[in-house]
Amino acid sequence: VDLASSERVDKSEVTGDGLKEAQHINKSLSFLG
């Protein structure tokens, strides 16, 4: 498994679809933990 990149939204400066992607990534990594 190559996990998606964990990141802080404020540093990655993503918005719109990118923000939605980041939220899904961080949530799934949290669930894995």
Full PDB file with SEQRES, HELIX, SHEET, SSBOND, CRYST1, ORIGX, SCALE, CONECT and MASTER records, all heavy atoms in Angstrom:
SEQRES   1 A   33  VAL ASP LEU ALA SER SER GLU ARG VAL ASP LYS SER GLU          
SEQRES   2 A   33  VAL THR GLY ASP GLY LEU LYS GLU ALA GLN HIS ILE ASN          
SEQRES   3 A   33  LYS SER LEU SER PHE LEU GLY                                  
HELIX    1 AA1 VAL A    9  SER A   12  1                                   4    
HELIX    2 AA2 ASP A   17  LEU A   32  1                                  16    
CRYST1    1.000    1.000    1.000  90.00  90.00  90.00 P 1           1          
ORIGX1      1.000000  0.000000  0.000000        0.00000                         
ORIGX2      0.000000  1.000000  0.000000        0.00000                         
ORIGX3      0.000000  0.000000  1.000000        0.00000                         
SCALE1      1.000000  0.000000  0.000000        0.00000                         
SCALE2      0.000000  1.000000  0.000000        0.00000                         
SCALE3      0.000000  0.000000  1.000000        0.00000                         
ATOM      1  N   VAL A   1       0.815  -1.211   0.000  1.00  0.00           N  
ATOM      2  CA  VAL A   1       0.000   0.000   0.000  1.00  0.00           C  
ATOM      3  C   VAL A   1       0.850   1.264   0.000  1.00  0.00           C  
ATOM      4  O   VAL A   1       1.673   1.475   0.890  1.00  0.00           O  
ATOM      5  CB  VAL A   1      -0.947   0.021   1.228  1.00  0.00           C  
ATOM      6  CG1 VAL A   1      -1.937   1.176   1.115  1.00  0.00           C  
ATOM      7  CG2 VAL A   1      -1.686  -1.306   1.366  1.00  0.00           C  
ATOM      8  N   ASP A   2       0.644   2.085  -1.005  1.00  0.00           N  
ATOM      9  CA  ASP A   2       1.238   3.421  -1.058  1.00  0.00           C  
ATOM     10  C   ASP A   2       0.156   4.394  -0.607  1.00  0.00           C  
ATOM     11  O   ASP A   2      -0.729   4.761  -1.383  1.00  0.00           O  
ATOM     12  CB  ASP A   2       1.708   3.724  -2.488  1.00  0.00           C  
ATOM     13  CG  ASP A   2       2.272   5.126  -2.638  1.00  0.00           C  
ATOM     14  OD1 ASP A   2       2.536   5.778  -1.607  1.00  0.00           O  
ATOM     15  OD2 ASP A   2       2.441   5.573  -3.791  1.00  0.00           O  
ATOM     16  N   LEU A   3       0.210   4.771   0.664  1.00  0.00           N  
ATOM     17  CA  LEU A   3      -0.835   5.624   1.222  1.00  0.00           C  
ATOM     18  C   LEU A   3      -0.768   7.034   0.643  1.00  0.00           C  
ATOM     19  O   LEU A   3       0.307   7.539   0.301  1.00  0.00           O  
ATOM     20  CB  LEU A   3      -0.713   5.699   2.747  1.00  0.00           C  
ATOM     21  CG  LEU A   3      -1.010   4.407   3.508  1.00  0.00           C  
ATOM     22  CD1 LEU A   3      -0.621   4.547   4.971  1.00  0.00           C  
ATOM     23  CD2 LEU A   3      -2.486   4.030   3.397  1.00  0.00           C  
ATOM     24  N   ALA A   4      -1.920   7.659   0.532  1.00  0.00           N  
ATOM     25  CA  ALA A   4      -1.966   9.053   0.103  1.00  0.00           C  
ATOM     26  C   ALA A   4      -1.214   9.918   1.100  1.00  0.00           C  
ATOM     27  O   ALA A   4      -1.059   9.566   2.271  1.00  0.00           O  
ATOM     28  CB  ALA A   4      -3.418   9.524  -0.026  1.00  0.00           C  
ATOM     29  N   SER A   5      -0.771  11.063   0.629  1.00  0.00           N  
ATOM     30  CA  SER A   5       0.057  11.949   1.455  1.00  0.00           C  
ATOM     31  C   SER A   5      -0.739  12.588   2.582  1.00  0.00           C  
ATOM     32  O   SER A   5      -1.788  13.200   2.347  1.00  0.00           O  
ATOM     33  CB  SER A   5       0.656  13.053   0.581  1.00  0.00           C  
ATOM     34  OG  SER A   5       1.409  12.509  -0.478  1.00  0.00           O  
ATOM     35  N   SER A   6      -0.241  12.429   3.798  1.00  0.00           N  
ATOM     36  CA  SER A   6      -0.835  13.159   4.911  1.00  0.00           C  
ATOM     37  C   SER A   6      -0.343  14.608   4.840  1.00  0.00           C  
ATOM     38  O   SER A   6       0.800  14.866   4.502  1.00  0.00           O  
ATOM     39  CB  SER A   6      -0.421  12.532   6.246  1.00  0.00           C  
ATOM     40  OG  SER A   6       0.983  12.594   6.412  1.00  0.00           O  
ATOM     41  N   GLU A   7      -1.225  15.548   5.118  1.00  0.00           N  
ATOM     42  CA  GLU A   7      -0.835  16.948   5.005  1.00  0.00           C  
ATOM     43  C   GLU A   7      -1.731  17.845   5.839  1.00  0.00           C  
ATOM     44  O   GLU A   7      -2.882  17.511   6.133  1.00  0.00           O  
ATOM     45  CB  GLU A   7      -0.912  17.391   3.541  1.00  0.00           C  
ATOM     46  CG  GLU A   7      -2.290  17.226   2.917  1.00  0.00           C  
ATOM     47  CD  GLU A   7      -2.292  17.502   1.428  1.00  0.00           C  
ATOM     48  OE1 GLU A   7      -1.328  17.126   0.743  1.00  0.00           O  
ATOM     49  OE2 GLU A   7      -3.278  18.094   0.949  1.00  0.00           O  
ATOM     50  N   ARG A   8      -1.192  18.986   6.217  1.00  0.00           N  
ATOM     51  CA  ARG A   8      -1.990  20.005   6.897  1.00  0.00           C  
ATOM     52  C   ARG A   8      -2.589  20.910   5.835  1.00  0.00           C  
ATOM     53  O   ARG A   8      -1.880  21.475   4.996  1.00  0.00           O  
ATOM     54  CB  ARG A   8      -1.114  20.797   7.861  1.00  0.00           C  
ATOM     55  CG  ARG A   8      -0.653  19.985   9.064  1.00  0.00           C  
ATOM     56  CD  ARG A   8       0.191  20.814  10.001  1.00  0.00           C  
ATOM     57  NE  ARG A   8      -0.513  21.990  10.479  1.00  0.00           N  
ATOM     58  CZ  ARG A   8       0.011  22.886  11.322  1.00  0.00           C  
ATOM     59  NH1 ARG A   8       1.247  22.715  11.757  1.00  0.00           N  
ATOM     60  NH2 ARG A   8      -0.689  23.931  11.715  1.00  0.00           N  
ATOM     61  N   VAL A   9      -3.905  21.039   5.875  1.00  0.00           N  
ATOM     62  CA  VAL A   9      -4.616  21.784   4.843  1.00  0.00           C  
ATOM     63  C   VAL A   9      -4.140  23.224   4.764  1.00  0.00           C  
ATOM     64  O   VAL A   9      -4.021  23.800   3.669  1.00  0.00           O  
ATOM     65  CB  VAL A   9      -6.136  21.723   5.100  1.00  0.00           C  
ATOM     66  CG1 VAL A   9      -6.877  22.639   4.129  1.00  0.00           C  
ATOM     67  CG2 VAL A   9      -6.636  20.288   4.961  1.00  0.00           C  
ATOM     68  N   ASP A  10      -3.802  23.826   5.915  1.00  0.00           N  
ATOM     69  CA  ASP A  10      -3.377  25.223   5.884  1.00  0.00           C  
ATOM     70  C   ASP A  10      -2.046  25.394   5.168  1.00  0.00           C  
ATOM     71  O   ASP A  10      -1.793  26.423   4.527  1.00  0.00           O  
ATOM     72  CB  ASP A  10      -3.304  25.793   7.308  1.00  0.00           C  
ATOM     73  CG  ASP A  10      -2.368  25.000   8.211  1.00  0.00           C  
ATOM     74  OD1 ASP A  10      -2.086  23.828   7.888  1.00  0.00           O  
ATOM     75  OD2 ASP A  10      -1.923  25.541   9.232  1.00  0.00           O  
ATOM     76  N   LYS A  11      -1.181  24.373   5.234  1.00  0.00           N  
ATOM     77  CA  LYS A  11       0.116  24.459   4.562  1.00  0.00           C  
ATOM     78  C   LYS A  11       0.028  24.091   3.085  1.00  0.00           C  
ATOM     79  O   LYS A  11       0.745  24.639   2.249  1.00  0.00           O  
ATOM     80  CB  LYS A  11       1.134  23.563   5.260  1.00  0.00           C  
ATOM     81  CG  LYS A  11       1.592  24.092   6.613  1.00  0.00           C  
ATOM     82  CD  LYS A  11       2.765  23.288   7.145  1.00  0.00           C  
ATOM     83  CE  LYS A  11       3.297  23.897   8.439  1.00  0.00           C  
ATOM     84  NZ  LYS A  11       4.474  23.138   8.960  1.00  0.00           N  
ATOM     85  N   SER A  12      -0.833  23.128   2.750  1.00  0.00           N  
ATOM     86  CA  SER A  12      -0.942  22.712   1.352  1.00  0.00           C  
ATOM     87  C   SER A  12      -1.754  23.707   0.527  1.00  0.00           C  
ATOM     88  O   SER A  12      -1.688  23.707  -0.700  1.00  0.00           O  
ATOM     89  CB  SER A  12      -1.574  21.314   1.245  1.00  0.00           C  
ATOM     90  OG  SER A  12      -2.860  21.295   1.832  1.00  0.00           O  
ATOM     91  N   GLU A  13      -2.550  24.562   1.217  1.00  0.00           N  
ATOM     92  CA  GLU A  13      -3.305  25.648   0.565  1.00  0.00           C  
ATOM     93  C   GLU A  13      -4.268  25.132  -0.494  1.00  0.00           C  
ATOM     94  O   GLU A  13      -4.478  25.763  -1.533  1.00  0.00           O  
ATOM     95  CB  GLU A  13      -2.346  26.669  -0.042  1.00  0.00           C  
ATOM     96  CG  GLU A  13      -1.434  27.342   0.979  1.00  0.00           C  
ATOM     97  CD  GLU A  13      -0.447  28.310   0.346  1.00  0.00           C  
ATOM     98  OE1 GLU A  13      -0.564  28.561  -0.880  1.00  0.00           O  
ATOM     99  OE2 GLU A  13       0.432  28.813   1.070  1.00  0.00           O  
ATOM    100  N   VAL A  14      -4.872  23.980  -0.257  1.00  0.00           N  
ATOM    101  CA  VAL A  14      -5.817  23.430  -1.218  1.00  0.00           C  
ATOM    102  C   VAL A  14      -7.212  23.981  -0.952  1.00  0.00           C  
ATOM    103  O   VAL A  14      -7.583  24.287   0.186  1.00  0.00           O  
ATOM    104  CB  VAL A  14      -5.855  21.887  -1.163  1.00  0.00           C  
ATOM    105  CG1 VAL A  14      -4.583  21.308  -1.733  1.00  0.00           C  
ATOM    106  CG2 VAL A  14      -6.065  21.396   0.273  1.00  0.00           C  
ATOM    107  N   THR A  15      -7.993  24.103  -2.010  1.00  0.00           N  
ATOM    108  CA  THR A  15      -9.369  24.574  -1.917  1.00  0.00           C  
ATOM    109  C   THR A  15     -10.233  23.729  -2.849  1.00  0.00           C  
ATOM    110  O   THR A  15      -9.731  22.960  -3.659  1.00  0.00           O  
ATOM    111  CB  THR A  15      -9.483  26.055  -2.335  1.00  0.00           C  
ATOM    112  OG1 THR A  15      -9.003  26.193  -3.693  1.00  0.00           O  
ATOM    113  CG2 THR A  15      -8.670  26.952  -1.412  1.00  0.00           C  
ATOM    114  N   GLY A  16     -11.547  23.883  -2.742  1.00  0.00           N  
ATOM    115  CA  GLY A  16     -12.452  23.199  -3.651  1.00  0.00           C  
ATOM    116  C   GLY A  16     -12.301  21.694  -3.608  1.00  0.00           C  
ATOM    117  O   GLY A  16     -12.289  21.070  -2.547  1.00  0.00           O  
ATOM    118  N   ASP A  17     -12.141  21.086  -4.818  1.00  0.00           N  
ATOM    119  CA  ASP A  17     -11.984  19.634  -4.900  1.00  0.00           C  
ATOM    120  C   ASP A  17     -10.736  19.170  -4.160  1.00  0.00           C  
ATOM    121  O   ASP A  17     -10.722  18.080  -3.571  1.00  0.00           O  
ATOM    122  CB  ASP A  17     -11.910  19.193  -6.363  1.00  0.00           C  
ATOM    123  CG  ASP A  17     -13.251  19.319  -7.082  1.00  0.00           C  
ATOM    124  OD1 ASP A  17     -14.272  19.409  -6.397  1.00  0.00           O  
ATOM    125  OD2 ASP A  17     -13.249  19.341  -8.334  1.00  0.00           O  
ATOM    126  N   GLY A  18      -9.676  19.971  -4.193  1.00  0.00           N  
ATOM    127  CA  GLY A  18      -8.450  19.615  -3.497  1.00  0.00           C  
ATOM    128  C   GLY A  18      -8.657  19.528  -2.003  1.00  0.00           C  
ATOM    129  O   GLY A  18      -8.081  18.670  -1.325  1.00  0.00           O  
ATOM    130  N   LEU A  19      -9.465  20.433  -1.457  1.00  0.00           N  
ATOM    131  CA  LEU A  19      -9.780  20.409  -0.031  1.00  0.00           C  
ATOM    132  C   LEU A  19     -10.580  19.162   0.318  1.00  0.00           C  
ATOM    133  O   LEU A  19     -10.319  18.503   1.335  1.00  0.00           O  
ATOM    134  CB  LEU A  19     -10.569  21.663   0.349  1.00  0.00           C  
ATOM    135  CG  LEU A  19     -11.037  21.749   1.805  1.00  0.00           C  
ATOM    136  CD1 LEU A  19      -9.855  21.696   2.763  1.00  0.00           C  
ATOM    137  CD2 LEU A  19     -11.848  23.028   2.018  1.00  0.00           C  
ATOM    138  N   LYS A  20     -11.527  18.811  -0.558  1.00  0.00           N  
ATOM    139  CA  LYS A  20     -12.324  17.596  -0.341  1.00  0.00           C  
ATOM    140  C   LYS A  20     -11.429  16.368  -0.340  1.00  0.00           C  
ATOM    141  O   LYS A  20     -11.572  15.480   0.506  1.00  0.00           O  
ATOM    142  CB  LYS A  20     -13.382  17.478  -1.438  1.00  0.00           C  
ATOM    143  CG  LYS A  20     -14.267  16.243  -1.328  1.00  0.00           C  
ATOM    144  CD  LYS A  20     -15.261  16.189  -2.484  1.00  0.00           C  
ATOM    145  CE  LYS A  20     -16.108  14.913  -2.410  1.00  0.00           C  
ATOM    146  NZ  LYS A  20     -17.044  14.823  -3.572  1.00  0.00           N  
ATOM    147  N   GLU A  21     -10.475  16.324  -1.275  1.00  0.00           N  
ATOM    148  CA  GLU A  21      -9.535  15.208  -1.331  1.00  0.00           C  
ATOM    149  C   GLU A  21      -8.732  15.112  -0.043  1.00  0.00           C  
ATOM    150  O   GLU A  21      -8.585  14.028   0.531  1.00  0.00           O  
ATOM    151  CB  GLU A  21      -8.583  15.390  -2.514  1.00  0.00           C  
ATOM    152  CG  GLU A  21      -9.220  15.241  -3.881  1.00  0.00           C  
ATOM    153  CD  GLU A  21      -8.286  15.681  -4.997  1.00  0.00           C  
ATOM    154  OE1 GLU A  21      -7.218  16.265  -4.692  1.00  0.00           O  
ATOM    155  OE2 GLU A  21      -8.614  15.449  -6.171  1.00  0.00           O  
ATOM    156  N   ALA A  22      -8.203  16.253   0.407  1.00  0.00           N  
ATOM    157  CA  ALA A  22      -7.379  16.268   1.621  1.00  0.00           C  
ATOM    158  C   ALA A  22      -8.172  15.805   2.839  1.00  0.00           C  
ATOM    159  O   ALA A  22      -7.654  15.083   3.698  1.00  0.00           O  
ATOM    160  CB  ALA A  22      -6.822  17.670   1.850  1.00  0.00           C  
ATOM    161  N   GLN A  23      -9.424  16.214   2.916  1.00  0.00           N  
ATOM    162  CA  GLN A  23     -10.262  15.814   4.042  1.00  0.00           C  
ATOM    163  C   GLN A  23     -10.492  14.303   4.044  1.00  0.00           C  
ATOM    164  O   GLN A  23     -10.440  13.653   5.100  1.00  0.00           O  
ATOM    165  CB  GLN A  23     -11.588  16.577   3.996  1.00  0.00           C  
ATOM    166  CG  GLN A  23     -11.441  18.056   4.296  1.00  0.00           C  
ATOM    167  CD  GLN A  23     -12.705  18.856   4.029  1.00  0.00           C  
ATOM    168  OE1 GLN A  23     -13.547  18.460   3.212  1.00  0.00           O  
ATOM    169  NE2 GLN A  23     -12.857  19.977   4.723  1.00  0.00           N  
ATOM    170  N   HIS A  24     -10.751  13.737   2.871  1.00  0.00           N  
ATOM    171  CA  HIS A  24     -10.936  12.282   2.768  1.00  0.00           C  
ATOM    172  C   HIS A  24      -9.644  11.549   3.131  1.00  0.00           C  
ATOM    173  O   HIS A  24      -9.677  10.522   3.818  1.00  0.00           O  
ATOM    174  CB  HIS A  24     -11.378  11.898   1.351  1.00  0.00           C  
ATOM    175  CG  HIS A  24     -12.855  12.006   1.128  1.00  0.00           C  
ATOM    176  ND1 HIS A  24     -13.752  11.105   1.664  1.00  0.00           N  
ATOM    177  CD2 HIS A  24     -13.589  12.907   0.421  1.00  0.00           C  
ATOM    178  CE1 HIS A  24     -14.983  11.445   1.297  1.00  0.00           C  
ATOM    179  NE2 HIS A  24     -14.916  12.530   0.550  1.00  0.00           N  
ATOM    180  N   ILE A  25      -8.514  12.069   2.659  1.00  0.00           N  
ATOM    181  CA  ILE A  25      -7.222  11.437   2.942  1.00  0.00           C  
ATOM    182  C   ILE A  25      -6.948  11.422   4.440  1.00  0.00           C  
ATOM    183  O   ILE A  25      -6.645  10.381   5.032  1.00  0.00           O  
ATOM    184  CB  ILE A  25      -6.078  12.172   2.211  1.00  0.00           C  
ATOM    185  CG1 ILE A  25      -6.181  11.954   0.699  1.00  0.00           C  
ATOM    186  CG2 ILE A  25      -4.719  11.702   2.727  1.00  0.00           C  
ATOM    187  CD1 ILE A  25      -5.278  12.851  -0.112  1.00  0.00           C  
ATOM    188  N   ASN A  26      -7.062  12.598   5.065  1.00  0.00           N  
ATOM    189  CA  ASN A  26      -6.747  12.694   6.497  1.00  0.00           C  
ATOM    190  C   ASN A  26      -7.695  11.858   7.347  1.00  0.00           C  
ATOM    191  O   ASN A  26      -7.285  11.245   8.338  1.00  0.00           O  
ATOM    192  CB  ASN A  26      -6.768  14.157   6.925  1.00  0.00           C  
ATOM    193  CG  ASN A  26      -5.624  14.953   6.336  1.00  0.00           C  
ATOM    194  OD1 ASN A  26      -4.593  14.395   5.977  1.00  0.00           O  
ATOM    195  ND2 ASN A  26      -5.795  16.263   6.227  1.00  0.00           N  
ATOM    196  N   LYS A  27      -8.966  11.825   6.928  1.00  0.00           N  
ATOM    197  CA  LYS A  27      -9.949  11.044   7.685  1.00  0.00           C  
ATOM    198  C   LYS A  27      -9.634   9.549   7.591  1.00  0.00           C  
ATOM    199  O   LYS A  27      -9.669   8.830   8.599  1.00  0.00           O  
ATOM    200  CB  LYS A  27     -11.355  11.325   7.148  1.00  0.00           C  
ATOM    201  CG  LYS A  27     -12.471  10.654   7.960  1.00  0.00           C  
ATOM    202  CD  LYS A  27     -13.840  10.930   7.349  1.00  0.00           C  
ATOM    203  CE  LYS A  27     -14.206  12.394   7.429  1.00  0.00           C  
ATOM    204  NZ  LYS A  27     -15.599  12.634   6.934  1.00  0.00           N  
ATOM    205  N   SER A  28      -9.321   9.066   6.396  1.00  0.00           N  
ATOM    206  CA  SER A  28      -9.051   7.637   6.232  1.00  0.00           C  
ATOM    207  C   SER A  28      -7.761   7.233   6.947  1.00  0.00           C  
ATOM    208  O   SER A  28      -7.666   6.132   7.504  1.00  0.00           O  
ATOM    209  CB  SER A  28      -8.977   7.269   4.749  1.00  0.00           C  
ATOM    210  OG  SER A  28      -7.919   7.928   4.106  1.00  0.00           O  
ATOM    211  N   LEU A  29      -6.754   8.118   6.944  1.00  0.00           N  
ATOM    212  CA  LEU A  29      -5.525   7.813   7.677  1.00  0.00           C  
ATOM    213  C   LEU A  29      -5.788   7.763   9.178  1.00  0.00           C  
ATOM    214  O   LEU A  29      -5.212   6.943   9.901  1.00  0.00           O  
ATOM    215  CB  LEU A  29      -4.452   8.856   7.364  1.00  0.00           C  
ATOM    216  CG  LEU A  29      -3.885   8.837   5.940  1.00  0.00           C  
ATOM    217  CD1 LEU A  29      -2.935  10.014   5.731  1.00  0.00           C  
ATOM    218  CD2 LEU A  29      -3.175   7.525   5.657  1.00  0.00           C  
ATOM    219  N   SER A  30      -6.666   8.630   9.644  1.00  0.00           N  
ATOM    220  CA  SER A  30      -7.042   8.614  11.059  1.00  0.00           C  
ATOM    221  C   SER A  30      -7.759   7.314  11.411  1.00  0.00           C  
ATOM    222  O   SER A  30      -7.485   6.701  12.456  1.00  0.00           O  
ATOM    223  CB  SER A  30      -7.940   9.814  11.369  1.00  0.00           C  
ATOM    224  OG  SER A  30      -8.382   9.788  12.716  1.00  0.00           O  
ATOM    225  N   PHE A  31      -8.652   6.863  10.527  1.00  0.00           N  
ATOM    226  CA  PHE A  31      -9.369   5.599  10.760  1.00  0.00           C  
ATOM    227  C   PHE A  31      -8.404   4.415  10.753  1.00  0.00           C  
ATOM    228  O   PHE A  31      -8.552   3.476  11.536  1.00  0.00           O  
ATOM    229  CB  PHE A  31     -10.453   5.390   9.704  1.00  0.00           C  
ATOM    230  CG  PHE A  31     -11.652   6.296   9.876  1.00  0.00           C  
ATOM    231  CD1 PHE A  31     -12.295   6.834   8.774  1.00  0.00           C  
ATOM    232  CD2 PHE A  31     -12.144   6.592  11.137  1.00  0.00           C  
ATOM    233  CE1 PHE A  31     -13.400   7.650   8.926  1.00  0.00           C  
ATOM    234  CE2 PHE A  31     -13.255   7.416  11.317  1.00  0.00           C  
ATOM    235  CZ  PHE A  31     -13.888   7.954  10.196  1.00  0.00           C  
ATOM    236  N   LEU A  32      -7.413   4.459   9.867  1.00  0.00           N  
ATOM    237  CA  LEU A  32      -6.411   3.389   9.826  1.00  0.00           C  
ATOM    238  C   LEU A  32      -5.646   3.339  11.152  1.00  0.00           C  
ATOM    239  O   LEU A  32      -5.421   2.262  11.715  1.00  0.00           O  
ATOM    240  CB  LEU A  32      -5.449   3.611   8.670  1.00  0.00           C  
ATOM    241  CG  LEU A  32      -4.254   2.647   8.576  1.00  0.00           C  
ATOM    242  CD1 LEU A  32      -4.724   1.211   8.406  1.00  0.00           C  
ATOM    243  CD2 LEU A  32      -3.328   3.048   7.422  1.00  0.00           C  
ATOM    244  N   GLY A  33      -5.267   4.508  11.653  1.00  0.00           N  
ATOM    245  CA  GLY A  33      -4.590   4.566  12.948  1.00  0.00           C  
ATOM    246  C   GLY A  33      -5.460   4.023  14.058  1.00  0.00           C  
ATOM    247  O   GLY A  33      -4.966   3.340  14.971  1.00  0.00           O  
TER     248      GLY A  33                                                      
MASTER        0    0    0    2    0    0    0    6  247    1    0    3          
END                                                                             
